[in-house]
Amino acid sequence: MSSPTQEKLTLMLYIELLEEDDLVVSRPSASCDQRIEFATDDSRQVRPGTLFVCKGRAFKREYLLSAIADGAVAYVSEVDYDVDLPAVIVSDIRRTLAVVADAFYGHPSGKVKVCAFTGTKGKSTCSFYLRGILANEAKLTGCHRPAFNTGIEFDDGIETGPSKLTTPESFLLQSRIAHAAEAGAPWLVMEASSQGLKYERTGKIDFEVGAFTNIGEDHISPIEHPTLEDYFASKLKIFLQSRFAVVNLDMDKVDRALEAASRCERTVTFSLTDERADVLALAIRNGDCGVVATVRTPRFTRDIVIPTPVKFNVSNALAAIACAEALGISEEGIVHGFEGVFVPGRMELYPSVSGKILGIVDFAHNGMSLETLLRDLRENYPERELAVVFGATGGKGVDRRTTMGIAAGKYADRIVITEDDPGPEDVEDICAEIARNVQAQGNDNWQIVTDRVAAIETAVRETVRPAVVIVTGKGEEECMLRKNGPEPCERDGSILKRTLAAYDA
């Protein structure tokens, strides 16, 4: 992570910023005029002149001692570790991280228009769609391409790579926004997860646009969100930091979302059906290159081609268009912004050479996403069998075993239940729980194949009539979280492509 280019602050100025947010419990009694050359919460990055932030339940005193040895000049913590170093003791380390990171990187969201999506499903797809629109606008106007940070990958204008978290911790996120500013990117598109909002990873970021796309039951567990209300309230926090708001009129609890958005300068709404929406799909039909939507905005009504075989992604496209409207993007920038957009691991198509099987890989990993996907595919391919391969995570999001089992039981003709990041739990137990919920829908055409490769092969091999074979949950991921930690695994798309080739042969 690179250093910012702005003038270095003294320790006293950091303390004053923390005091503005009423975070300081105690401060050093000695002079605090020490210039801070670097700030971090990672002891491995410490260098001379560092302000070190002690973060997390798993933090150990040894990390602080290592930081001191490598040149830390002060530390910030909720705990006084009684070491020979100036200490700033604070009441909330999460909020503190946001303040310190934002200050160290010179409040980069004041230099780049940050556009953030939150919602139960579709955040990545929305982000890629908006990036496509903004990239097209950049070509039309000759400005720098947009930066972005998604749960799949990031490109901050200087560095690119795969993502580990949907919304990174404060220091990493602020550094990426700073990189975007340094590269000259006018916009940065990102996902704001409920965890990122709840635990202040996005704290101190000024969102030019904050978009709330949908809400459903997910991430409800003792280690994530204890209740749906906590989950929803966490997502609503996006509007506390947004200049412009974007809201889906089709979502549950829309009145509360609109109320929260009312504090913003302007709210742009979108809908598939509600005539009150600023951005509305007047008509949707299947085309040769995807779904064609006739879209009405406050400035124009045009046909827009969205490169996907299912209509549910039209709502994601409308969200991106609504954000572009808030940003003042040109009509041509919006209309042609979807051309060539590819979202890794989201609705990847793998048709067999024979045409008998249409293979699809999608990241759908909760009941809301899976039900929407299967329902739309049922409508689009009424003559084909629907076969689905999926599992559910262990140790978190335990409600998915119920909601995904119900969705598959209602809509799928054949079901293969398999492994999907079982973590600390036994995969057999997770699969059995899913199966009980499938069975409760009166669907007996299911089986458990715990090995994910074998499960995909089974779903393809047992196809006897024209079918859509859907593999969901992992998308582009190349590691499986098991009891001993992450282990390498093959991408779903690679497995499905190879298996379909063998089937045709």
Protein backbone atom coordinates (compact mmCIF):
# COMPACT_ATOMS: atom_id res chain seq x y z
CA MET A 1 0.00 0.00 0.00
CA SER A 2 1.61 3.25 -1.10
CA SER A 3 1.98 6.44 0.92
CA PRO A 4 -0.19 9.43 0.14
CA THR A 5 1.28 12.54 -1.41
CA GLN A 6 -0.33 15.10 0.88
CA GLU A 7 1.53 16.92 3.66
CA LYS A 8 2.23 14.70 6.68
CA LEU A 9 0.19 15.32 9.83
CA THR A 10 1.47 15.45 13.40
CA LEU A 11 0.27 13.08 16.07
CA MET A 12 -1.59 16.00 17.67
CA LEU A 13 -3.62 16.59 14.50
CA TYR A 14 -4.67 12.92 14.43
CA ILE A 15 -5.71 13.20 18.08
CA GLU A 16 -7.74 16.32 17.35
CA LEU A 17 -9.54 14.55 14.49
CA LEU A 18 -10.37 11.65 16.80
CA GLU A 19 -11.59 14.09 19.47
CA GLU A 20 -13.94 15.68 16.93
CA ASP A 21 -15.67 12.29 16.73
CA ASP A 22 -15.60 11.96 20.54
CA LEU A 23 -13.40 8.86 20.35
CA VAL A 24 -10.47 9.75 22.64
CA VAL A 25 -10.48 8.27 26.15
CA SER A 26 -6.94 9.36 27.02
CA ARG A 27 -3.99 10.88 25.19
CA PRO A 28 -0.23 11.14 25.79
CA SER A 29 0.81 13.62 28.45
CA ALA A 30 4.03 14.47 26.62
CA SER A 31 4.33 16.62 23.49
CA CYS A 32 2.45 15.28 20.46
CA ASP A 33 4.30 17.30 17.79
CA GLN A 34 5.83 14.12 16.29
CA ARG A 35 5.29 14.03 12.52
CA ILE A 36 3.54 10.89 11.34
CA GLU A 37 5.22 9.49 8.22
CA PHE A 38 2.97 6.46 7.86
CA ALA A 39 -0.14 4.91 9.42
CA THR A 40 -1.35 1.32 9.34
CA ASP A 41 -3.14 -1.45 11.23
CA ASP A 42 -0.78 -4.13 9.85
CA SER A 43 2.37 -4.71 11.88
CA ARG A 44 4.09 -6.16 8.80
CA GLN A 45 3.89 -2.78 7.06
CA VAL A 46 5.32 -0.66 9.87
CA ARG A 47 8.24 1.61 9.01
CA PRO A 48 10.00 4.43 10.90
CA GLY A 49 7.56 7.21 11.84
CA THR A 50 4.46 5.01 11.85
CA LEU A 51 1.24 5.58 13.79
CA PHE A 52 0.13 2.02 14.52
CA VAL A 53 -3.54 1.14 15.08
CA CYS A 54 -4.16 -1.95 17.23
CA LYS A 55 -7.20 -3.61 15.68
CA GLY A 56 -9.40 -6.63 16.22
CA ARG A 57 -10.39 -9.21 18.78
CA ALA A 58 -7.45 -11.40 17.78
CA PHE A 59 -4.90 -8.60 18.31
CA LYS A 60 -1.86 -9.70 20.31
CA ARG A 61 0.59 -7.58 22.30
CA GLU A 62 3.35 -9.16 20.22
CA TYR A 63 2.08 -7.30 17.14
CA LEU A 64 2.58 -4.00 18.94
CA LEU A 65 6.08 -4.99 20.12
CA SER A 66 6.95 -5.88 16.53
CA ALA A 67 5.65 -2.49 15.36
CA ILE A 68 7.77 -0.71 17.98
CA ALA A 69 10.85 -2.62 16.85
CA ASP A 70 10.21 -1.56 13.25
CA GLY A 71 9.86 2.14 14.01
CA ALA A 72 6.35 2.92 15.26
CA VAL A 73 6.31 6.26 17.09
CA ALA A 74 2.81 6.03 18.66
CA TYR A 75 -0.10 3.64 18.83
CA VAL A 76 -3.88 3.88 18.95
CA SER A 77 -5.89 1.24 20.79
CA GLU A 78 -8.89 0.48 22.96
CA VAL A 79 -6.42 -1.15 25.39
CA ASP A 80 -3.43 0.40 27.17
CA TYR A 81 -0.64 -2.11 26.59
CA ASP A 82 1.75 -0.34 29.01
CA VAL A 83 4.67 -0.07 26.61
CA ASP A 84 7.24 2.69 26.21
CA LEU A 85 5.42 4.46 23.40
CA PRO A 86 2.88 7.31 23.30
CA ALA A 87 -0.63 5.81 23.44
CA VAL A 88 -3.93 7.23 22.25
CA ILE A 89 -6.68 5.20 23.93
CA VAL A 90 -10.02 5.28 22.13
CA SER A 91 -13.55 4.05 22.77
CA ASP A 92 -14.29 2.52 19.33
CA ILE A 93 -11.44 1.10 17.27
CA ARG A 94 -13.61 0.56 14.18
CA ARG A 95 -14.57 4.22 13.91
CA THR A 96 -11.00 5.13 14.78
CA LEU A 97 -9.65 3.11 11.86
CA ALA A 98 -11.89 5.04 9.49
CA VAL A 99 -10.79 8.43 10.88
CA VAL A 100 -7.07 7.65 10.84
CA ALA A 101 -7.09 6.01 7.40
CA ASP A 102 -9.09 8.85 5.86
CA ALA A 103 -6.77 11.45 7.39
CA PHE A 104 -3.59 9.66 6.39
CA TYR A 105 -4.69 9.40 2.77
CA GLY A 106 -5.86 13.01 2.66
CA HIS A 107 -9.62 12.37 2.42
CA PRO A 108 -9.38 10.92 -1.11
CA SER A 109 -13.16 10.61 -1.56
CA GLY A 110 -13.14 14.41 -1.76
CA LYS A 111 -11.12 14.11 -4.99
CA VAL A 112 -12.94 11.20 -6.71
CA LYS A 113 -16.66 10.68 -7.20
CA VAL A 114 -17.26 7.43 -5.30
CA CYS A 115 -20.39 5.50 -6.30
CA ALA A 116 -21.42 2.66 -3.98
CA PHE A 117 -23.99 -0.12 -4.30
CA THR A 118 -25.50 -1.96 -1.36
CA GLY A 119 -28.14 -4.70 -1.48
CA THR A 120 -28.69 -8.37 -0.77
CA LYS A 121 -27.99 -9.44 -4.33
CA GLY A 122 -26.60 -7.95 -7.53
CA LYS A 123 -23.99 -5.57 -6.09
CA SER A 124 -21.20 -6.91 -8.29
CA THR A 125 -23.33 -6.96 -11.43
CA CYS A 126 -24.51 -3.38 -10.78
CA SER A 127 -20.90 -2.31 -10.26
CA PHE A 128 -19.70 -3.86 -13.51
CA TYR A 129 -22.65 -2.32 -15.39
CA LEU A 130 -21.96 1.17 -14.03
CA ARG A 131 -18.26 0.77 -14.73
CA GLY A 132 -19.20 -0.09 -18.34
CA ILE A 133 -21.27 3.08 -18.62
CA LEU A 134 -18.54 5.24 -17.09
CA ALA A 135 -15.83 3.61 -19.23
CA ASN A 136 -17.91 4.43 -22.31
CA GLU A 137 -18.34 8.00 -21.10
CA ALA A 138 -14.58 8.22 -20.56
CA LYS A 139 -14.00 7.23 -24.20
CA LEU A 140 -16.51 9.80 -25.39
CA THR A 141 -15.03 12.61 -23.32
CA GLY A 142 -11.35 11.65 -23.31
CA CYS A 143 -11.02 11.35 -19.54
CA HIS A 144 -9.42 8.57 -17.47
CA ARG A 145 -11.20 5.24 -17.10
CA PRO A 146 -13.18 4.67 -13.90
CA ALA A 147 -11.64 2.86 -10.95
CA PHE A 148 -13.62 0.12 -9.24
CA ASN A 149 -13.61 -2.17 -6.23
CA THR A 150 -15.91 -5.20 -6.22
CA GLY A 151 -16.12 -8.50 -4.40
CA ILE A 152 -14.64 -10.11 -7.52
CA GLU A 153 -11.74 -7.86 -8.50
CA PHE A 154 -10.42 -4.32 -8.23
CA ASP A 155 -8.71 -1.77 -10.47
CA ASP A 156 -7.81 1.43 -8.66
CA GLY A 157 -5.97 3.01 -11.58
CA ILE A 158 -2.55 1.95 -10.29
CA GLU A 159 -3.01 -1.61 -9.02
CA THR A 160 -5.33 -4.43 -10.11
CA GLY A 161 -6.09 -7.88 -8.77
CA PRO A 162 -8.63 -10.28 -7.27
CA SER A 163 -10.57 -9.17 -4.20
CA LYS A 164 -10.56 -10.89 -0.81
CA LEU A 165 -13.46 -8.96 0.74
CA THR A 166 -16.49 -7.33 -0.85
CA THR A 167 -15.63 -4.15 1.07
CA PRO A 168 -12.01 -4.00 2.32
CA GLU A 169 -10.91 -2.70 5.70
CA SER A 170 -10.48 1.07 6.02
CA PHE A 171 -6.76 1.43 5.27
CA LEU A 172 -6.89 -0.71 2.15
CA LEU A 173 -10.11 0.88 0.90
CA GLN A 174 -8.86 4.42 1.45
CA SER A 175 -5.58 3.57 -0.29
CA ARG A 176 -7.49 2.40 -3.36
CA ILE A 177 -9.52 5.60 -3.48
CA ALA A 178 -6.26 7.55 -3.11
CA HIS A 179 -4.76 5.59 -6.00
CA ALA A 180 -7.79 6.44 -8.13
CA ALA A 181 -7.30 10.12 -7.36
CA GLU A 182 -3.58 9.86 -8.12
CA ALA A 183 -4.31 8.15 -11.45
CA GLY A 184 -6.80 10.85 -12.43
CA ALA A 185 -9.90 8.64 -12.40
CA PRO A 186 -13.02 10.83 -12.19
CA TRP A 187 -15.08 8.03 -10.59
CA LEU A 188 -14.65 4.95 -8.42
CA VAL A 189 -17.41 2.34 -8.39
CA MET A 190 -17.59 0.02 -5.38
CA GLU A 191 -19.70 -2.41 -3.41
CA ALA A 192 -20.66 -1.45 0.13
CA SER A 193 -21.47 -4.62 2.04
CA SER A 194 -23.63 -4.64 5.15
CA GLN A 195 -20.56 -5.63 7.16
CA GLY A 196 -18.51 -2.85 5.59
CA LEU A 197 -21.16 -0.30 6.54
CA LYS A 198 -21.93 -1.70 9.99
CA TYR A 199 -18.29 -1.93 11.06
CA GLU A 200 -17.27 1.46 9.62
CA ARG A 201 -14.94 0.17 6.89
CA THR A 202 -16.57 2.83 4.72
CA GLY A 203 -16.49 5.43 7.49
CA LYS A 204 -15.49 8.97 6.44
CA ILE A 205 -16.00 8.20 2.73
CA ASP A 206 -18.11 10.76 0.92
CA PHE A 207 -20.25 8.84 -1.58
CA GLU A 208 -21.24 10.89 -4.58
CA VAL A 209 -23.97 8.30 -5.16
CA GLY A 210 -25.23 5.64 -2.74
CA ALA A 211 -27.54 3.03 -4.29
CA PHE A 212 -29.77 0.59 -2.36
CA THR A 213 -30.87 -2.12 -4.78
CA ASN A 214 -32.85 -4.69 -2.74
CA ILE A 215 -33.21 -6.33 0.68
CA GLY A 216 -33.77 -9.95 1.62
CA GLU A 217 -32.92 -12.26 4.50
CA ASP A 218 -29.22 -13.09 4.33
CA HIS A 219 -26.15 -12.84 6.57
CA ILE A 220 -28.37 -13.36 9.62
CA SER A 221 -26.22 -15.13 12.20
CA PRO A 222 -24.56 -14.46 15.58
CA ILE A 223 -21.29 -13.49 13.87
CA GLU A 224 -22.81 -11.27 11.14
CA HIS A 225 -26.20 -9.64 11.78
CA PRO A 226 -28.24 -10.98 14.71
CA THR A 227 -31.54 -9.85 13.16
CA LEU A 228 -32.98 -8.71 9.83
CA GLU A 229 -33.48 -5.27 11.40
CA ASP A 230 -29.77 -5.00 12.19
CA TYR A 231 -28.95 -6.08 8.61
CA PHE A 232 -31.35 -3.55 7.10
CA ALA A 233 -30.27 -0.70 9.39
CA SER A 234 -26.63 -1.37 8.50
CA LYS A 235 -27.39 -1.00 4.80
CA LEU A 236 -29.41 2.18 5.33
CA LYS A 237 -26.26 3.81 6.72
CA ILE A 238 -25.12 4.33 3.13
CA PHE A 239 -27.41 7.34 2.83
CA LEU A 240 -25.79 9.08 5.80
CA GLN A 241 -22.68 9.48 3.64
CA SER A 242 -24.21 10.02 0.19
CA ARG A 243 -24.73 13.21 -1.80
CA PHE A 244 -27.21 11.54 -4.18
CA ALA A 245 -29.36 8.49 -3.42
CA VAL A 246 -30.62 5.75 -5.74
CA VAL A 247 -33.50 3.55 -4.55
CA ASN A 248 -35.31 0.59 -6.10
CA LEU A 249 -39.06 1.15 -5.79
CA ASP A 250 -39.61 -2.60 -6.22
CA MET A 251 -37.71 -3.53 -3.06
CA ASP A 252 -39.21 -4.61 0.24
CA LYS A 253 -39.31 -1.90 2.93
CA VAL A 254 -39.01 0.77 0.22
CA ASP A 255 -40.72 3.43 2.36
CA ARG A 256 -37.98 3.21 4.98
CA ALA A 257 -35.32 3.32 2.29
CA LEU A 258 -36.88 6.44 0.76
CA GLU A 259 -37.16 8.05 4.18
CA ALA A 260 -33.47 7.42 4.86
CA ALA A 261 -32.58 8.68 1.38
CA SER A 262 -34.51 11.93 1.89
CA ARG A 263 -31.53 13.50 3.65
CA CYS A 264 -29.58 13.39 0.37
CA GLU A 265 -29.61 16.26 -2.14
CA ARG A 266 -31.56 14.19 -4.67
CA THR A 267 -33.07 10.71 -4.88
CA VAL A 268 -33.24 8.92 -8.23
CA THR A 269 -35.64 5.96 -8.22
CA PHE A 270 -35.85 2.98 -10.56
CA SER A 271 -38.33 0.18 -11.14
CA LEU A 272 -39.34 -2.62 -13.44
CA THR A 273 -43.04 -1.78 -13.06
CA ASP A 274 -43.72 1.33 -10.96
CA GLU A 275 -44.69 4.29 -13.16
CA ARG A 276 -43.53 6.72 -10.45
CA ALA A 277 -39.90 5.72 -11.00
CA ASP A 278 -37.42 8.14 -12.56
CA VAL A 279 -35.83 5.24 -14.44
CA LEU A 280 -38.39 2.70 -15.67
CA ALA A 281 -38.34 -0.38 -17.91
CA LEU A 282 -41.29 0.18 -20.24
CA ALA A 283 -40.80 -3.13 -22.07
CA ILE A 284 -38.46 -6.13 -21.86
CA ARG A 285 -37.88 -8.74 -24.56
CA ASN A 286 -35.28 -11.33 -25.50
CA GLY A 287 -32.90 -10.33 -28.29
CA ASP A 288 -30.10 -12.02 -30.22
CA CYS A 289 -27.39 -10.48 -28.02
CA GLY A 290 -29.22 -10.50 -24.69
CA VAL A 291 -32.24 -8.84 -23.17
CA VAL A 292 -33.52 -5.65 -24.81
CA ALA A 293 -35.11 -3.17 -22.41
CA THR A 294 -36.95 -0.03 -23.44
CA VAL A 295 -35.85 2.35 -20.70
CA ARG A 296 -37.35 5.71 -19.81
CA THR A 297 -35.23 8.18 -17.88
CA PRO A 298 -35.85 11.86 -17.05
CA ARG A 299 -33.91 12.78 -20.21
CA PHE A 300 -34.65 10.10 -22.83
CA THR A 301 -36.42 6.87 -23.78
CA ARG A 302 -34.25 4.34 -25.62
CA ASP A 303 -33.81 0.62 -26.24
CA ILE A 304 -30.80 -0.72 -24.32
CA VAL A 305 -29.26 -4.14 -24.93
CA ILE A 306 -28.19 -5.86 -21.71
CA PRO A 307 -25.82 -8.82 -22.31
CA THR A 308 -27.61 -11.48 -20.24
CA PRO A 309 -30.06 -14.33 -20.98
CA VAL A 310 -32.29 -13.55 -17.98
CA LYS A 311 -34.57 -10.63 -17.30
CA PHE A 312 -33.78 -10.23 -13.60
CA ASN A 313 -30.53 -8.48 -14.51
CA VAL A 314 -32.61 -5.68 -16.03
CA SER A 315 -33.19 -4.40 -12.49
CA ASN A 316 -29.40 -4.31 -11.97
CA ALA A 317 -29.04 -2.41 -15.24
CA LEU A 318 -31.70 0.10 -14.16
CA ALA A 319 -29.77 0.67 -10.92
CA ALA A 320 -26.63 1.46 -12.90
CA ILE A 321 -28.57 3.77 -15.23
CA ALA A 322 -30.11 5.58 -12.25
CA CYS A 323 -26.61 6.16 -10.82
CA ALA A 324 -25.45 7.45 -14.20
CA GLU A 325 -28.42 9.82 -14.24
CA ALA A 326 -27.42 11.15 -10.81
CA LEU A 327 -23.87 11.66 -12.13
CA GLY A 328 -25.06 13.47 -15.25
CA ILE A 329 -23.61 10.95 -17.71
CA SER A 330 -24.52 11.55 -21.36
CA GLU A 331 -27.32 9.67 -23.13
CA GLU A 332 -24.89 7.92 -25.49
CA GLY A 333 -22.61 7.06 -22.61
CA ILE A 334 -25.49 5.25 -20.92
CA VAL A 335 -27.15 3.61 -23.94
CA HIS A 336 -23.96 2.02 -25.27
CA GLY A 337 -22.35 1.47 -21.89
CA PHE A 338 -23.45 -2.17 -21.58
CA GLU A 339 -21.83 -3.34 -24.81
CA GLY A 340 -19.19 -5.95 -24.10
CA VAL A 341 -19.70 -5.89 -20.32
CA PHE A 342 -18.75 -9.22 -18.77
CA VAL A 343 -19.25 -9.99 -15.09
CA PRO A 344 -16.94 -12.84 -13.98
CA GLY A 345 -18.83 -15.65 -12.27
CA ARG A 346 -22.20 -13.98 -12.87
CA MET A 347 -24.42 -15.56 -15.52
CA GLU A 348 -21.50 -17.09 -17.42
CA LEU A 349 -22.92 -19.12 -20.33
CA TYR A 350 -21.51 -22.47 -21.47
CA PRO A 351 -23.67 -23.92 -24.26
CA SER A 352 -22.84 -27.47 -25.30
CA VAL A 353 -21.86 -27.97 -28.94
CA SER A 354 -24.88 -30.20 -29.47
CA GLY A 355 -27.20 -27.54 -28.06
CA LYS A 356 -28.77 -30.08 -25.72
CA ILE A 357 -27.44 -28.38 -22.58
CA LEU A 358 -27.12 -24.71 -21.74
CA GLY A 359 -24.64 -24.50 -18.88
CA ILE A 360 -24.72 -21.50 -16.56
CA VAL A 361 -22.35 -20.51 -13.76
CA ASP A 362 -23.63 -17.89 -11.34
CA PHE A 363 -22.58 -16.64 -7.92
CA ALA A 364 -26.12 -16.88 -6.48
CA HIS A 365 -25.39 -17.90 -2.90
CA ASN A 366 -28.56 -17.06 -0.97
CA GLY A 367 -32.22 -17.95 -1.27
CA MET A 368 -33.29 -14.62 -2.74
CA SER A 369 -30.71 -14.80 -5.56
CA LEU A 370 -31.31 -18.49 -6.30
CA GLU A 371 -35.09 -18.13 -6.41
CA THR A 372 -34.87 -15.13 -8.75
CA LEU A 373 -32.43 -16.97 -11.00
CA LEU A 374 -34.44 -20.20 -11.21
CA ARG A 375 -37.77 -18.44 -11.62
CA ASP A 376 -36.44 -16.33 -14.50
CA LEU A 377 -34.81 -19.31 -16.20
CA ARG A 378 -38.07 -21.26 -15.86
CA GLU A 379 -39.85 -18.41 -17.65
CA ASN A 380 -37.19 -18.04 -20.37
CA TYR A 381 -36.71 -21.78 -21.04
CA PRO A 382 -40.10 -23.36 -20.30
CA GLU A 383 -39.43 -26.38 -22.51
CA ARG A 384 -36.12 -27.33 -20.89
CA GLU A 385 -35.36 -29.26 -17.73
CA LEU A 386 -33.80 -27.15 -14.96
CA ALA A 387 -30.97 -28.88 -13.11
CA VAL A 388 -29.12 -27.04 -10.35
CA VAL A 389 -25.91 -27.73 -8.41
CA PHE A 390 -25.43 -25.79 -5.18
CA GLY A 391 -24.48 -25.90 -1.52
CA ALA A 392 -24.33 -23.52 1.44
CA THR A 393 -21.62 -22.05 3.63
CA GLY A 394 -20.66 -23.31 7.06
CA GLY A 395 -20.27 -21.18 10.16
CA LYS A 396 -22.28 -18.22 8.86
CA GLY A 397 -25.40 -17.41 6.87
CA VAL A 398 -27.03 -20.56 8.21
CA ASP A 399 -30.45 -19.39 6.99
CA ARG A 400 -29.27 -20.03 3.42
CA ARG A 401 -29.69 -23.76 3.94
CA THR A 402 -33.38 -23.14 4.40
CA THR A 403 -33.96 -20.41 1.82
CA MET A 404 -31.85 -22.00 -0.93
CA GLY A 405 -33.36 -25.42 -0.28
CA ILE A 406 -36.85 -23.97 -0.57
CA ALA A 407 -35.98 -22.10 -3.79
CA ALA A 408 -34.48 -25.18 -5.44
CA GLY A 409 -37.32 -27.40 -4.26
CA LYS A 410 -39.89 -25.04 -5.77
CA TYR A 411 -38.33 -24.40 -9.17
CA ALA A 412 -35.73 -27.04 -10.12
CA ASP A 413 -36.45 -30.37 -11.82
CA ARG A 414 -33.18 -31.98 -10.71
CA ILE A 415 -31.03 -30.97 -7.75
CA VAL A 416 -27.48 -31.95 -6.82
CA ILE A 417 -26.48 -30.68 -3.37
CA THR A 418 -22.76 -30.28 -2.79
CA GLU A 419 -19.94 -28.49 -1.00
CA ASP A 420 -19.69 -24.69 -0.84
CA ASP A 421 -17.22 -23.34 1.74
CA PRO A 422 -18.24 -25.61 4.65
CA GLY A 423 -15.63 -23.99 6.91
CA PRO A 424 -15.80 -25.36 10.47
CA GLU A 425 -18.79 -27.63 9.80
CA ASP A 426 -19.15 -31.06 8.20
CA VAL A 427 -20.27 -30.75 4.60
CA GLU A 428 -22.52 -33.81 4.99
CA ASP A 429 -24.49 -32.09 7.76
CA ILE A 430 -24.96 -28.91 5.71
CA CYS A 431 -26.10 -30.88 2.66
CA ALA A 432 -28.54 -32.93 4.74
CA GLU A 433 -30.11 -29.76 6.14
CA ILE A 434 -30.53 -28.33 2.63
CA ALA A 435 -32.06 -31.63 1.48
CA ARG A 436 -34.69 -31.51 4.22
CA ASN A 437 -35.83 -28.13 2.95
CA VAL A 438 -35.90 -29.36 -0.66
CA GLN A 439 -37.95 -32.37 0.42
CA ALA A 440 -40.37 -30.12 2.29
CA GLN A 441 -41.37 -28.60 -1.06
CA GLY A 442 -42.49 -32.01 -2.29
CA ASN A 443 -39.46 -32.35 -4.56
CA ASP A 444 -37.95 -35.86 -4.42
CA ASN A 445 -35.56 -35.50 -7.36
CA TRP A 446 -32.45 -34.58 -5.40
CA GLN A 447 -29.17 -36.19 -4.41
CA ILE A 448 -26.14 -35.31 -2.33
CA VAL A 449 -22.69 -35.46 -3.96
CA THR A 450 -20.28 -33.77 -1.57
CA ASP A 451 -17.36 -33.55 -4.00
CA ARG A 452 -18.09 -30.42 -6.04
CA VAL A 453 -16.37 -31.60 -9.24
CA ALA A 454 -18.25 -34.90 -9.11
CA ALA A 455 -21.50 -33.04 -8.40
CA ILE A 456 -21.17 -30.93 -11.55
CA GLU A 457 -20.24 -34.00 -13.58
CA THR A 458 -23.28 -35.82 -12.19
CA ALA A 459 -25.67 -33.01 -13.12
CA VAL A 460 -24.39 -33.04 -16.71
CA ARG A 461 -24.01 -36.79 -17.13
CA GLU A 462 -27.56 -37.55 -15.96
CA THR A 463 -29.16 -35.15 -18.45
CA VAL A 464 -31.54 -37.06 -20.74
CA ARG A 465 -33.48 -34.26 -22.42
CA PRO A 466 -32.75 -30.61 -23.38
CA ALA A 467 -31.75 -28.88 -20.17
CA VAL A 468 -30.34 -25.84 -18.45
CA VAL A 469 -27.67 -26.92 -15.96
CA ILE A 470 -26.99 -24.20 -13.39
CA VAL A 471 -23.98 -24.26 -11.04
CA THR A 472 -24.26 -21.63 -8.32
CA GLY A 473 -22.45 -20.31 -5.27
CA LYS A 474 -18.75 -20.13 -6.12
CA GLY A 475 -18.57 -18.24 -9.41
CA GLU A 476 -14.94 -17.33 -10.17
CA GLU A 477 -13.60 -18.41 -6.78
CA GLU A 478 -10.55 -20.67 -6.76
CA CYS A 479 -10.41 -21.70 -3.12
CA MET A 480 -12.69 -23.74 -0.88
CA LEU A 481 -12.94 -22.81 2.80
CA ARG A 482 -12.65 -25.98 4.87
CA LYS A 483 -11.86 -26.76 8.51
CA ASN A 484 -8.13 -26.22 8.05
CA GLY A 485 -8.57 -22.99 6.10
CA PRO A 486 -8.72 -22.16 2.39
CA GLU A 487 -7.71 -24.88 -0.04
CA PRO A 488 -7.26 -24.47 -3.83
CA CYS A 489 -10.15 -25.60 -6.02
CA GLU A 490 -11.01 -25.46 -9.70
CA ARG A 491 -13.33 -22.74 -10.95
CA ASP A 492 -16.91 -23.83 -11.60
CA GLY A 493 -16.76 -22.53 -15.16
CA SER A 494 -13.69 -24.59 -15.96
CA ILE A 495 -15.28 -27.75 -14.54
CA LEU A 496 -18.55 -27.18 -16.38
CA LYS A 497 -16.86 -26.39 -19.70
CA ARG A 498 -14.73 -29.56 -19.53
CA THR A 499 -17.67 -31.68 -18.46
CA LEU A 500 -19.89 -30.42 -21.29
CA ALA A 501 -17.16 -31.17 -23.83
CA ALA A 502 -16.93 -34.73 -22.52
CA TYR A 503 -20.73 -35.04 -22.64
CA ASP A 504 -20.83 -34.01 -26.30
CA ALA A 505 -18.00 -36.39 -27.12
